[in-house]
Amino acid sequence: MVRRVPNPFRLLILWIGFALARAGLIERERARRTTDLAWPRIVTGIARMSKSAVDVAMVGIAIGSSAIAGVGFAGPFWGLAFSVGGGVAGGTIALVSQRYGAEAYDQLGQAVRSSVFLVVVVSLPITATFWLSAESFIGLITDNPDAIRYGSDYLQVVALGIPFAGLNLIGSRVFVGMDDAWTPMVVRAGGAVANIGINAVLIFGLDLGVVGAALGTVLSNVAVTAVFAVGLTAGRLPGAREFPVHVDPVGSYVDAPTLRDLVTIGLPVFGTNLVWTLAEFPMLAIVDVFGEDTVAAYVIARRIWGVMNTPGWGFGLASSSLVGQVLGTGDEGTAEQYGREIIRFAVAVYAVSAFLVFVFAEQITLLFSNDPTDPAIPIAVSLVHAACVAVVLRGVSGGASGPLNASGDTRWPFYSQFLGMFGFAIPLAYLGANGLDLPPLEAAVPLVDATVAVPGVSIPAIGLMGLYLAFVAETAVPAAVNYYRFSTGKWKQISRSYRPETPTADD
């Protein structure tokens, strides 16, 4: 059982779950189990986001805006490499949760060892590439010499932490897959706090600037990896209860069937994560057309959006773990019930948080500026209002993707996210900034030796409405696609091919 504490996040989420239980929308015990797995992940997300913000603030105070720009330009490359660990970890939680639910603990250890092997093998070449060519990569984005210098210094050093960041994700997903979200919350949130302290010493005490910020990230990731390794191999951490299983580090790491399953499940998860990173570049370029005030407002809205989106981190993993455990026992009906009820639970939590942010949107956005007459503020407020509407749909898309990820049916969340961002959100933002003006064409008339002019298409720019619609499309399309796939039940058939000692099922 996960340790219970009188935490306000847990109490609020549990209260919402019990309210849904009284309305007959979720079974009371499932609400409690989902809450116990979800709230620690939400707290971890808040800690990570706070750490990133403090990192940038420290660099800005110590050096200035050019250093902030350099670290910002290095961010997408770090995020790109970080997606690798997330992809492998997506396969890890599917395999671990199903083996834990089936009590096939010997196979669970193999899943963990193979995950460690795969993430190291994949991430080391990325580390080497960034170490050797950091300046060239930053130069692809900007021609500002100071930003290139600071960005390449940061990227070169932080690249050393890429394998450890991937291993941290593996360790976290192993515990969540074993019905324990408390341990990774404590370990990873503790690592985020330690990161802030280390950075303060390296940046201000030793005057290492962006290199100090990068070193702080590397050292904190190494420390978290060490704690996970000790806990999983010993079966417990000092001062903590004994874990339900432990992993033998001497066993086989290269197991072809397990590696194949990890790649099959994890590759679409990697692609889903990659969509977010790649979409940053064209979206910011489009927003820049609106002008500096709108860019600032969009960044503010995105930061608030990130805070509102943290429930999805918890409910997505809770759904993957609980649905996977039940699938491991072969009880597909209960697995589907868990999936449907967690979707309802997630939507309710998102609705409560979105309502509060919608009401206090102006007060919240003013926290990002000390000038109440800043023209970016009213734009930011309107964008936050649109984000509040859109983020509720994240409860559907994230909740529905949980069962798909748990079963190994990870391609559809990738398809849905790609379609939402590149098929709808980015084109809508483009229409907002530029409109559409297609020139007339000449077309042949059938059976007649002649051509006629086909009128062109002209759609005027729709302004900020394009950004509002982009926010909604970014969540509405994945919500529709993921829920459709969940409702077909195909994911239950696919899961049979990944369960311990079960025959292969056809997709």
Protein backbone atom coordinates (compact mmCIF):
# COMPACT_ATOMS: atom_id res chain seq x y z
CA MET A 1 0.00 0.00 0.00
CA VAL A 2 1.13 3.56 -0.66
CA ARG A 3 1.86 5.58 2.44
CA ARG A 4 -0.92 8.00 3.38
CA VAL A 5 -0.15 11.46 4.67
CA PRO A 6 -2.37 14.49 5.40
CA ASN A 7 -1.23 16.25 2.23
CA PRO A 8 -3.53 19.00 0.89
CA PHE A 9 -3.10 17.81 -2.71
CA ARG A 10 -4.16 14.31 -1.75
CA LEU A 11 -7.08 15.52 0.36
CA LEU A 12 -8.44 17.75 -2.42
CA ILE A 13 -8.17 15.06 -5.09
CA LEU A 14 -9.63 12.43 -2.76
CA TRP A 15 -12.55 14.73 -1.92
CA ILE A 16 -13.33 15.10 -5.64
CA GLY A 17 -13.06 11.33 -6.10
CA PHE A 18 -15.42 10.60 -3.22
CA ALA A 19 -17.89 13.18 -4.58
CA LEU A 20 -17.88 11.27 -7.88
CA ALA A 21 -18.33 8.03 -5.95
CA ARG A 22 -21.44 9.42 -4.22
CA ALA A 23 -22.77 10.32 -7.68
CA GLY A 24 -22.15 6.74 -8.86
CA LEU A 25 -19.51 7.74 -11.41
CA ILE A 26 -16.57 5.92 -9.84
CA GLU A 27 -16.14 3.12 -7.31
CA ARG A 28 -14.97 4.50 -3.96
CA GLU A 29 -11.98 2.18 -3.51
CA ARG A 30 -10.80 2.89 -7.05
CA ALA A 31 -10.99 6.60 -6.31
CA ARG A 32 -8.72 6.08 -3.31
CA ARG A 33 -6.20 3.91 -5.18
CA THR A 34 -6.10 6.34 -8.10
CA THR A 35 -5.59 9.28 -5.74
CA ASP A 36 -2.74 7.54 -3.90
CA LEU A 37 -0.90 7.00 -7.18
CA ALA A 38 -1.76 10.34 -8.82
CA TRP A 39 -1.06 13.00 -6.20
CA PRO A 40 2.65 12.22 -5.64
CA ARG A 41 3.27 12.51 -9.36
CA ILE A 42 1.49 15.86 -9.41
CA VAL A 43 3.69 17.11 -6.57
CA THR A 44 6.77 15.84 -8.41
CA GLY A 45 5.71 17.78 -11.49
CA ILE A 46 5.29 20.97 -9.52
CA ALA A 47 8.74 20.50 -7.97
CA ARG A 48 10.33 19.94 -11.37
CA MET A 49 8.69 22.99 -12.90
CA SER A 50 9.75 25.13 -9.94
CA LYS A 51 13.32 23.89 -10.26
CA SER A 52 13.48 24.84 -13.93
CA ALA A 53 12.13 28.31 -13.21
CA VAL A 54 14.63 28.89 -10.40
CA ASP A 55 17.50 27.70 -12.63
CA VAL A 56 16.68 30.33 -15.25
CA ALA A 57 16.18 33.01 -12.60
CA MET A 58 19.60 32.30 -11.04
CA VAL A 59 21.36 32.43 -14.41
CA GLY A 60 19.59 35.67 -15.27
CA ILE A 61 20.53 37.30 -11.96
CA ALA A 62 24.15 36.17 -12.21
CA ILE A 63 24.80 36.96 -15.90
CA GLY A 64 21.90 38.53 -17.73
CA SER A 65 19.45 38.06 -20.57
CA SER A 66 21.97 36.63 -23.03
CA ALA A 67 22.63 33.72 -20.68
CA ILE A 68 18.90 33.15 -20.26
CA ALA A 69 18.58 33.09 -24.05
CA GLY A 70 21.47 30.64 -24.36
CA VAL A 71 20.00 28.25 -21.80
CA GLY A 72 16.61 28.64 -23.49
CA PHE A 73 18.03 27.72 -26.89
CA ALA A 74 19.65 24.65 -25.34
CA GLY A 75 16.36 23.62 -23.73
CA PRO A 76 14.71 21.96 -26.75
CA PHE A 77 17.81 19.84 -27.37
CA TRP A 78 17.79 18.69 -23.75
CA GLY A 79 14.07 17.99 -24.11
CA LEU A 80 14.67 16.05 -27.32
CA ALA A 81 17.17 13.76 -25.62
CA PHE A 82 14.98 13.51 -22.52
CA SER A 83 12.21 12.10 -24.71
CA VAL A 84 14.36 9.02 -25.28
CA GLY A 85 14.20 8.10 -21.60
CA GLY A 86 10.48 8.78 -21.56
CA GLY A 87 9.96 6.46 -24.51
CA VAL A 88 11.78 3.56 -22.89
CA ALA A 89 10.04 4.29 -19.59
CA GLY A 90 6.69 4.01 -21.38
CA GLY A 91 7.55 0.42 -22.18
CA THR A 92 8.89 -0.13 -18.67
CA ILE A 93 5.66 0.77 -16.87
CA ALA A 94 3.58 -1.40 -19.22
CA LEU A 95 5.77 -4.48 -18.64
CA VAL A 96 6.35 -3.90 -14.92
CA SER A 97 2.71 -3.22 -14.03
CA GLN A 98 1.46 -6.30 -15.86
CA ARG A 99 4.11 -8.54 -14.27
CA TYR A 100 3.47 -7.05 -10.86
CA GLY A 101 -0.26 -7.63 -11.21
CA ALA A 102 0.39 -11.26 -12.26
CA GLU A 103 2.96 -11.69 -9.43
CA ALA A 104 5.55 -12.72 -12.04
CA TYR A 105 8.34 -11.05 -10.08
CA ASP A 106 11.17 -12.93 -11.78
CA GLN A 107 10.10 -11.52 -15.16
CA LEU A 108 9.69 -8.09 -13.59
CA GLY A 109 13.42 -7.95 -12.83
CA GLN A 110 14.22 -8.77 -16.44
CA ALA A 111 12.01 -5.91 -17.63
CA VAL A 112 13.88 -3.47 -15.38
CA ARG A 113 17.37 -4.64 -16.37
CA SER A 114 16.55 -4.56 -20.09
CA SER A 115 15.10 -1.06 -19.69
CA VAL A 116 18.34 0.12 -18.06
CA PHE A 117 20.40 -1.41 -20.85
CA LEU A 118 18.27 0.10 -23.61
CA VAL A 119 18.18 3.64 -22.22
CA VAL A 120 21.96 3.69 -21.72
CA VAL A 121 22.68 2.35 -25.20
CA VAL A 122 20.36 4.87 -26.84
CA SER A 123 21.34 7.92 -24.78
CA LEU A 124 25.14 7.63 -24.86
CA PRO A 125 25.44 8.52 -28.58
CA ILE A 126 23.24 11.59 -27.98
CA THR A 127 25.50 12.64 -25.11
CA ALA A 128 28.58 12.28 -27.30
CA THR A 129 26.98 14.21 -30.17
CA PHE A 130 25.99 17.16 -27.98
CA TRP A 131 29.40 17.18 -26.26
CA LEU A 132 31.27 17.35 -29.57
CA SER A 133 28.91 19.63 -31.53
CA ALA A 134 27.08 21.78 -28.99
CA GLU A 135 28.01 25.07 -30.63
CA SER A 136 26.81 23.91 -34.04
CA PHE A 137 23.44 22.87 -32.65
CA ILE A 138 22.84 26.18 -30.87
CA GLY A 139 23.96 28.00 -34.01
CA LEU A 140 21.05 26.40 -35.90
CA ILE A 141 18.65 28.54 -33.87
CA THR A 142 20.40 31.87 -33.40
CA ASP A 143 23.28 33.97 -34.72
CA ASN A 144 23.69 35.86 -31.42
CA PRO A 145 27.34 35.17 -30.46
CA ASP A 146 26.78 35.57 -26.71
CA ALA A 147 23.74 33.31 -26.75
CA ILE A 148 25.62 30.71 -28.79
CA ARG A 149 28.51 30.79 -26.33
CA TYR A 150 26.36 30.45 -23.23
CA GLY A 151 24.02 27.94 -24.85
CA SER A 152 26.80 25.69 -26.12
CA ASP A 153 28.59 25.79 -22.75
CA TYR A 154 25.38 24.76 -21.03
CA LEU A 155 24.43 22.07 -23.57
CA GLN A 156 27.88 20.50 -23.62
CA VAL A 157 27.92 19.98 -19.86
CA VAL A 158 24.25 19.13 -19.32
CA ALA A 159 24.55 16.45 -22.01
CA LEU A 160 26.51 14.39 -19.50
CA GLY A 161 23.32 14.05 -17.48
CA ILE A 162 21.19 12.65 -20.31
CA PRO A 163 21.78 8.95 -19.49
CA PHE A 164 21.09 9.59 -15.80
CA ALA A 165 17.89 11.52 -16.60
CA GLY A 166 16.71 8.52 -18.62
CA LEU A 167 17.57 6.11 -15.80
CA ASN A 168 15.62 8.31 -13.37
CA LEU A 169 12.53 7.94 -15.53
CA ILE A 170 13.02 4.16 -15.58
CA GLY A 171 13.33 4.05 -11.79
CA SER A 172 10.24 6.21 -11.32
CA ARG A 173 8.09 4.10 -13.66
CA VAL A 174 9.20 0.87 -11.97
CA PHE A 175 7.88 2.05 -8.61
CA VAL A 176 4.64 3.43 -10.08
CA GLY A 177 4.13 0.15 -11.91
CA MET A 178 4.43 -1.59 -8.51
CA ASP A 179 1.64 0.59 -7.08
CA ASP A 180 4.03 2.97 -5.28
CA ALA A 181 4.07 6.61 -6.39
CA TRP A 182 5.21 7.87 -2.98
CA THR A 183 8.84 6.71 -3.27
CA PRO A 184 9.61 8.32 -6.67
CA MET A 185 7.91 11.52 -5.50
CA VAL A 186 10.18 11.76 -2.47
CA VAL A 187 13.31 10.84 -4.41
CA ARG A 188 12.75 13.03 -7.48
CA ALA A 189 11.31 16.01 -5.61
CA GLY A 190 14.26 15.75 -3.21
CA GLY A 191 16.55 15.77 -6.23
CA ALA A 192 14.86 18.92 -7.54
CA VAL A 193 15.36 20.69 -4.20
CA ALA A 194 19.00 19.54 -4.06
CA ASN A 195 19.46 20.83 -7.62
CA ILE A 196 18.45 24.32 -6.52
CA GLY A 197 20.90 24.25 -3.60
CA ILE A 198 23.77 22.93 -5.73
CA ASN A 199 23.11 25.56 -8.38
CA ALA A 200 23.18 28.35 -5.81
CA VAL A 201 26.64 27.23 -4.67
CA LEU A 202 28.03 26.69 -8.17
CA ILE A 203 26.53 29.78 -9.81
CA PHE A 204 26.97 32.34 -7.05
CA GLY A 205 29.53 30.79 -4.69
CA LEU A 206 31.98 29.48 -7.31
CA ASP A 207 30.96 31.92 -10.08
CA LEU A 208 30.53 29.15 -12.67
CA GLY A 209 27.55 30.74 -14.42
CA VAL A 210 25.71 28.57 -16.97
CA VAL A 211 28.27 25.80 -16.51
CA GLY A 212 27.33 25.76 -12.81
CA ALA A 213 23.65 25.45 -13.71
CA ALA A 214 24.43 22.55 -16.04
CA LEU A 215 26.65 20.84 -13.45
CA GLY A 216 23.91 21.19 -10.85
CA THR A 217 21.48 19.40 -13.16
CA VAL A 218 23.99 16.61 -13.86
CA LEU A 219 24.93 16.07 -10.21
CA SER A 220 21.33 16.01 -9.00
CA ASN A 221 20.41 13.47 -11.68
CA VAL A 222 23.37 11.29 -10.70
CA ALA A 223 22.27 11.42 -7.06
CA VAL A 224 18.67 10.46 -7.89
CA THR A 225 19.88 7.59 -10.09
CA ALA A 226 22.05 6.29 -7.25
CA VAL A 227 19.12 6.34 -4.80
CA PHE A 228 16.86 4.45 -7.22
CA ALA A 229 19.61 1.90 -7.91
CA VAL A 230 20.21 1.27 -4.20
CA GLY A 231 16.51 0.99 -3.45
CA LEU A 232 15.68 -1.41 -6.27
CA THR A 233 18.66 -3.70 -5.72
CA ALA A 234 18.42 -3.76 -1.90
CA GLY A 235 14.63 -3.90 -1.83
CA ARG A 236 14.38 -0.88 0.47
CA LEU A 237 15.80 2.55 1.24
CA PRO A 238 17.29 3.60 4.58
CA GLY A 239 14.51 4.58 6.96
CA ALA A 240 11.78 3.34 4.59
CA ARG A 241 9.65 0.23 4.54
CA GLU A 242 10.66 -2.80 2.53
CA PHE A 243 9.62 -2.75 -1.13
CA PRO A 244 7.43 -5.59 -2.47
CA VAL A 245 10.19 -6.75 -4.84
CA HIS A 246 13.86 -6.15 -5.50
CA VAL A 247 15.86 -6.39 -8.71
CA ASP A 248 18.94 -8.59 -9.01
CA PRO A 249 21.58 -6.40 -10.74
CA VAL A 250 23.65 -9.45 -11.74
CA GLY A 251 21.02 -10.97 -14.01
CA SER A 252 20.82 -10.75 -17.79
CA TYR A 253 20.42 -7.30 -19.33
CA VAL A 254 20.19 -8.31 -22.98
CA ASP A 255 17.00 -10.31 -23.45
CA ALA A 256 15.80 -10.12 -27.04
CA PRO A 257 12.04 -10.62 -26.44
CA THR A 258 11.97 -8.06 -23.61
CA LEU A 259 13.98 -5.53 -25.61
CA ARG A 260 11.65 -6.07 -28.55
CA ASP A 261 8.63 -5.38 -26.35
CA LEU A 262 10.24 -2.26 -24.90
CA VAL A 263 11.01 -0.88 -28.36
CA THR A 264 7.57 -1.76 -29.74
CA ILE A 265 5.77 -0.08 -26.84
CA GLY A 266 8.24 2.75 -26.22
CA LEU A 267 8.87 4.02 -29.75
CA PRO A 268 5.41 5.58 -30.16
CA VAL A 269 5.69 7.07 -26.64
CA PHE A 270 8.97 8.66 -27.71
CA GLY A 271 7.24 9.97 -30.82
CA THR A 272 4.41 11.44 -28.73
CA ASN A 273 6.92 13.27 -26.51
CA LEU A 274 8.84 14.39 -29.58
CA VAL A 275 5.76 16.04 -31.07
CA TRP A 276 5.67 18.54 -28.21
CA THR A 277 9.33 19.43 -28.62
CA LEU A 278 9.27 19.82 -32.39
CA ALA A 279 6.05 21.82 -32.30
CA GLU A 280 7.69 24.49 -30.13
CA PHE A 281 9.72 25.86 -33.04
CA PRO A 282 7.01 26.63 -35.65
CA MET A 283 4.50 27.70 -32.98
CA LEU A 284 6.81 30.31 -31.48
CA ALA A 285 7.76 31.55 -34.95
CA ILE A 286 4.08 32.04 -35.79
CA VAL A 287 3.30 33.77 -32.50
CA ASP A 288 6.22 36.13 -33.16
CA VAL A 289 4.27 37.52 -36.15
CA PHE A 290 1.72 38.98 -33.70
CA GLY A 291 4.40 41.11 -32.06
CA GLU A 292 6.40 41.21 -28.85
CA ASP A 293 3.46 41.76 -26.49
CA THR A 294 1.63 38.70 -27.81
CA VAL A 295 4.79 36.60 -27.56
CA ALA A 296 5.17 37.59 -23.92
CA ALA A 297 1.49 36.89 -23.28
CA TYR A 298 1.74 33.50 -24.97
CA VAL A 299 4.75 32.52 -22.85
CA ILE A 300 2.88 33.56 -19.69
CA ALA A 301 -0.17 31.55 -20.73
CA ARG A 302 2.01 28.54 -21.50
CA ARG A 303 3.58 28.64 -18.05
CA ILE A 304 0.15 28.79 -16.42
CA TRP A 305 -1.00 26.02 -18.75
CA GLY A 306 1.92 23.90 -17.56
CA VAL A 307 0.81 24.26 -13.93
CA MET A 308 -2.80 23.43 -14.80
CA ASN A 309 -1.65 20.38 -16.77
CA THR A 310 0.13 18.67 -13.84
CA PRO A 311 -2.94 16.55 -12.91
CA GLY A 312 -2.50 14.76 -16.22
CA TRP A 313 0.95 13.59 -15.15
CA GLY A 314 -0.54 11.87 -12.14
CA PHE A 315 -3.71 10.45 -13.67
CA GLY A 316 -1.93 9.20 -16.79
CA LEU A 317 0.57 7.20 -14.75
CA ALA A 318 -2.07 6.04 -12.26
CA SER A 319 -4.20 4.76 -15.13
CA SER A 320 -1.24 3.02 -16.78
CA SER A 321 -0.25 1.33 -13.53
CA LEU A 322 -3.69 0.26 -12.28
CA VAL A 323 -5.02 -0.83 -15.67
CA GLY A 324 -1.76 -2.68 -16.37
CA GLN A 325 -1.89 -4.52 -13.04
CA VAL A 326 -5.45 -5.69 -13.68
CA LEU A 327 -4.58 -6.71 -17.24
CA GLY A 328 -1.74 -8.77 -15.78
CA THR A 329 -4.34 -10.88 -13.95
CA GLY A 330 -6.33 -11.33 -17.17
CA ASP A 331 -9.39 -9.44 -15.90
CA GLU A 332 -10.07 -7.28 -18.95
CA GLY A 333 -13.51 -6.18 -17.81
CA THR A 334 -12.25 -4.64 -14.58
CA ALA A 335 -9.36 -3.04 -16.50
CA GLU A 336 -11.85 -1.28 -18.77
CA GLN A 337 -13.89 -0.12 -15.76
CA TYR A 338 -10.74 1.32 -14.19
CA GLY A 339 -9.98 3.14 -17.43
CA ARG A 340 -13.44 4.69 -17.77
CA GLU A 341 -13.61 5.77 -14.14
CA ILE A 342 -10.15 7.36 -14.18
CA ILE A 343 -11.14 9.37 -17.26
CA ARG A 344 -14.15 10.74 -15.34
CA PHE A 345 -11.97 11.40 -12.31
CA ALA A 346 -9.32 13.24 -14.33
CA VAL A 347 -11.91 15.42 -16.11
CA ALA A 348 -13.46 16.42 -12.77
CA VAL A 349 -10.09 17.42 -11.27
CA TYR A 350 -9.16 19.39 -14.38
CA ALA A 351 -12.55 21.13 -14.33
CA VAL A 352 -12.10 22.26 -10.72
CA SER A 353 -8.57 23.61 -11.30
CA ALA A 354 -9.55 25.24 -14.62
CA PHE A 355 -12.51 26.98 -12.98
CA LEU A 356 -10.31 28.45 -10.25
CA VAL A 357 -7.69 29.66 -12.73
CA PHE A 358 -10.39 31.09 -15.02
CA VAL A 359 -11.86 33.15 -12.17
CA PHE A 360 -8.48 34.45 -10.98
CA ALA A 361 -6.77 34.65 -14.40
CA GLU A 362 -5.99 38.36 -14.17
CA GLN A 363 -4.50 38.14 -10.69
CA ILE A 364 -2.39 35.14 -11.71
CA THR A 365 -1.02 36.75 -14.87
CA LEU A 366 -0.08 39.90 -12.93
CA LEU A 367 2.40 37.73 -10.98
CA PHE A 368 4.50 37.67 -14.16
CA SER A 369 4.78 41.46 -14.38
CA ASN A 370 5.29 44.30 -11.91
CA ASP A 371 3.54 46.70 -14.28
CA PRO A 372 -0.27 46.44 -14.22
CA THR A 373 -0.43 48.58 -17.40
CA ASP A 374 1.71 46.10 -19.35
CA PRO A 375 -0.13 45.59 -22.68
CA ALA A 376 0.76 41.91 -22.61
CA ILE A 377 -1.39 41.29 -19.53
CA PRO A 378 -4.88 41.59 -21.10
CA ILE A 379 -3.74 39.42 -24.00
CA ALA A 380 -2.37 36.86 -21.54
CA VAL A 381 -5.66 36.86 -19.61
CA SER A 382 -7.63 36.06 -22.76
CA LEU A 383 -5.19 33.30 -23.69
CA VAL A 384 -5.41 31.84 -20.18
CA HIS A 385 -9.20 31.79 -20.47
CA ALA A 386 -8.88 29.80 -23.70
CA ALA A 387 -6.37 27.51 -22.02
CA CYS A 388 -8.81 26.86 -19.16
CA VAL A 389 -11.41 25.61 -21.63
CA ALA A 390 -8.88 23.51 -23.51
CA VAL A 391 -7.15 21.94 -20.50
CA VAL A 392 -10.32 20.17 -19.32
CA LEU A 393 -10.09 18.03 -22.44
CA ARG A 394 -6.64 16.91 -21.28
CA GLY A 395 -8.50 14.84 -18.72
CA VAL A 396 -10.06 12.85 -21.56
CA SER A 397 -6.95 12.53 -23.73
CA GLY A 398 -4.60 11.76 -20.83
CA GLY A 399 -7.03 9.47 -19.05
CA ALA A 400 -7.77 7.52 -22.23
CA SER A 401 -4.10 7.21 -23.14
CA GLY A 402 -3.36 5.53 -19.78
CA PRO A 403 -5.03 2.20 -20.67
CA LEU A 404 -3.54 2.37 -24.17
CA ASN A 405 -0.02 2.79 -22.76
CA ALA A 406 -0.59 0.10 -20.13
CA SER A 407 -1.66 -2.40 -22.77
CA GLY A 408 1.19 -1.62 -25.17
CA ASP A 409 -1.14 0.10 -27.68
CA THR A 410 1.03 3.22 -27.69
CA ARG A 411 0.79 4.18 -31.34
CA TRP A 412 -2.60 5.86 -31.12
CA PRO A 413 -1.60 8.47 -28.49
CA PHE A 414 1.27 9.37 -30.82
CA TYR A 415 -1.05 9.63 -33.83
CA SER A 416 -3.51 11.77 -31.88
CA GLN A 417 -0.88 14.17 -30.55
CA PHE A 418 0.77 14.57 -33.95
CA LEU A 419 -2.57 15.21 -35.64
CA GLY A 420 -3.65 17.65 -32.96
CA MET A 421 -0.47 19.73 -33.09
CA PHE A 422 0.59 19.63 -36.74
CA GLY A 423 -2.79 18.97 -38.36
CA PHE A 424 -4.85 21.51 -36.42
CA ALA A 425 -3.14 23.64 -33.73
CA ILE A 426 -0.24 25.00 -35.80
CA PRO A 427 -2.37 25.63 -38.95
CA LEU A 428 -4.98 27.46 -36.84
CA ALA A 429 -2.29 29.61 -35.25
CA TYR A 430 -0.94 30.33 -38.74
CA LEU A 431 -4.40 31.40 -39.91
CA GLY A 432 -4.59 33.72 -36.93
CA ALA A 433 -1.33 35.43 -37.84
CA ASN A 434 -1.31 35.32 -41.63
CA GLY A 435 -4.65 34.16 -42.99
CA LEU A 436 -4.65 32.13 -46.19
CA ASP A 437 -4.16 33.39 -49.72
CA LEU A 438 -3.95 30.71 -52.42
CA PRO A 439 -3.46 32.04 -55.99
CA PRO A 440 -5.92 31.14 -58.77
CA LEU A 441 -5.22 28.02 -60.79
CA GLU A 442 -5.86 27.00 -64.37
CA ALA A 443 -7.73 23.72 -64.83
CA ALA A 444 -8.65 21.77 -67.95
CA VAL A 445 -12.37 21.40 -68.72
CA PRO A 446 -13.24 17.71 -69.41
CA LEU A 447 -14.14 16.88 -73.04
CA VAL A 448 -13.41 20.45 -74.08
CA ASP A 449 -10.15 21.67 -75.51
CA ALA A 450 -9.99 24.60 -73.17
CA THR A 451 -8.90 25.68 -69.73
CA VAL A 452 -10.67 27.82 -67.21
CA ALA A 453 -9.40 29.88 -64.31
CA VAL A 454 -10.24 28.48 -60.90
CA PRO A 455 -10.68 31.30 -58.37
CA GLY A 456 -8.13 31.50 -55.60
CA VAL A 457 -8.88 31.02 -51.92
CA SER A 458 -8.49 33.97 -49.61
CA ILE A 459 -9.12 33.77 -45.84
CA PRO A 460 -8.26 36.87 -43.83
CA ALA A 461 -6.16 36.58 -40.71
CA ILE A 462 -8.39 35.85 -37.73
CA GLY A 463 -6.00 37.31 -35.15
CA LEU A 464 -5.92 36.02 -31.60
CA MET A 465 -8.88 33.77 -32.35
CA GLY A 466 -6.40 31.54 -34.16
CA LEU A 467 -4.38 31.13 -30.95
CA TYR A 468 -7.52 30.45 -28.92
CA LEU A 469 -8.59 27.76 -31.37
CA ALA A 470 -5.06 26.34 -31.42
CA PHE A 471 -5.19 25.83 -27.66
CA VAL A 472 -8.50 23.97 -27.97
CA ALA A 473 -7.43 21.89 -30.98
CA GLU A 474 -4.25 20.84 -29.18
CA THR A 475 -6.38 18.95 -26.64
CA ALA A 476 -9.69 18.32 -28.42
CA VAL A 477 -8.19 16.24 -31.24
CA PRO A 478 -6.15 13.91 -28.96
CA ALA A 479 -9.18 13.61 -26.65
CA ALA A 480 -11.41 12.47 -29.51
CA VAL A 481 -8.86 10.10 -31.05
CA ASN A 482 -7.64 8.53 -27.79
CA TYR A 483 -11.15 8.03 -26.44
CA TYR A 484 -12.27 6.47 -29.70
CA ARG A 485 -9.41 3.98 -29.57
CA PHE A 486 -10.12 3.23 -25.91
CA SER A 487 -13.81 2.65 -26.66
CA THR A 488 -13.04 0.06 -29.37
CA GLY A 489 -11.45 -2.28 -26.80
CA LYS A 490 -8.65 -3.27 -29.20
CA TRP A 491 -6.10 -2.33 -26.54
CA LYS A 492 -7.25 -5.28 -24.42
CA GLN A 493 -6.44 -7.69 -27.23
CA ILE A 494 -3.05 -6.08 -27.82
CA SER A 495 -2.16 -6.37 -24.13
CA ARG A 496 -2.31 -10.17 -24.34
CA SER A 497 0.90 -10.23 -26.36
CA TYR A 498 2.77 -8.43 -23.56
CA ARG A 499 1.41 -10.29 -20.56
CA PRO A 500 3.63 -12.86 -18.82
CA GLU A 501 3.27 -16.32 -20.31
CA THR A 502 0.24 -15.60 -22.50
CA PRO A 503 -0.33 -16.35 -26.20
CA THR A 504 0.14 -13.58 -28.76
CA ALA A 505 -2.94 -11.65 -29.82
CA ASP A 506 -3.56 -10.03 -33.16
CA ASP A 507 -4.05 -6.30 -33.41
